[in-house]
Protein backbone atom coordinates (compact mmCIF):
# COMPACT_ATOMS: atom_id res chain seq x y z
CA VAL A 1 -10.59 40.31 -18.39
CA PHE A 2 -12.28 42.52 -21.19
CA LEU A 3 -15.55 44.63 -20.34
CA GLU A 4 -17.00 46.23 -23.14
CA TYR A 5 -19.53 49.29 -23.31
CA ALA A 6 -21.56 50.68 -25.50
CA ASP A 7 -20.64 53.94 -25.25
CA THR A 8 -17.74 55.74 -23.99
CA SER A 9 -18.93 57.49 -20.95
CA SER A 10 -19.87 54.70 -19.67
CA SER A 11 -16.18 52.85 -19.86
CA ALA A 12 -14.75 56.12 -18.51
CA ARG A 13 -16.66 55.84 -15.47
CA ALA A 14 -16.21 51.96 -15.17
CA LYS A 15 -12.18 52.80 -15.83
CA ALA A 16 -12.19 55.31 -13.34
CA ALA A 17 -14.04 53.26 -10.82
CA LEU A 18 -12.26 49.70 -11.20
CA ASN A 19 -8.36 51.30 -11.57
CA GLY A 20 -6.33 50.82 -8.66
CA ARG A 21 -9.05 48.87 -6.68
CA ARG A 22 -7.97 45.26 -5.24
CA PHE A 23 -9.51 41.81 -6.22
CA ALA A 24 -8.71 38.74 -4.40
CA ASN A 25 -5.35 40.60 -3.29
CA ASN A 26 -4.45 41.68 -6.88
CA LEU A 27 -4.17 45.11 -8.07
CA VAL A 28 -6.70 46.02 -10.89
CA VAL A 29 -4.95 47.86 -13.61
CA ALA A 30 -8.32 49.31 -16.25
CA VAL A 31 -6.87 50.35 -19.35
CA TYR A 32 -8.32 50.60 -22.70
CA PHE A 33 -7.80 48.16 -25.31
CA PRO A 34 -7.74 49.05 -29.11
CA GLU A 35 -11.03 48.09 -30.32
CA ASP A 36 -9.56 46.60 -33.86
CA LYS A 37 -6.88 44.18 -31.91
CA PHE A 38 -10.40 43.23 -29.32
CA SER A 39 -12.17 42.25 -32.93
CA SER A 40 -9.65 40.37 -34.73
CA GLY A 41 -8.95 38.55 -31.39
CA ASP A 42 -5.52 39.80 -31.02
CA TYR A 43 -5.16 40.14 -27.01
CA ASP A 44 -1.21 40.97 -27.30
CA PHE A 45 -0.85 44.23 -25.84
CA ASP A 46 1.70 46.46 -23.84
CA VAL A 47 0.12 48.71 -21.41
CA GLY A 48 2.80 51.26 -21.88
CA GLN A 49 1.23 51.67 -25.40
CA GLN A 50 -1.99 52.94 -23.66
CA THR A 51 -3.48 56.14 -25.22
CA SER A 52 -5.94 58.55 -23.26
CA ALA A 53 -9.45 58.12 -24.26
């Protein structure tokens, strides 16, 4: 699931609020996704590549 926000402060709050929660007994792992990959439709991403933002 991708969520897109208008500004970084909103996305940071959402990431903090959602990460670690459970949805339908599944653990939510919230990460930032590279905008260029999202825009180009390249949804292949290794969470280990995650950068802090």
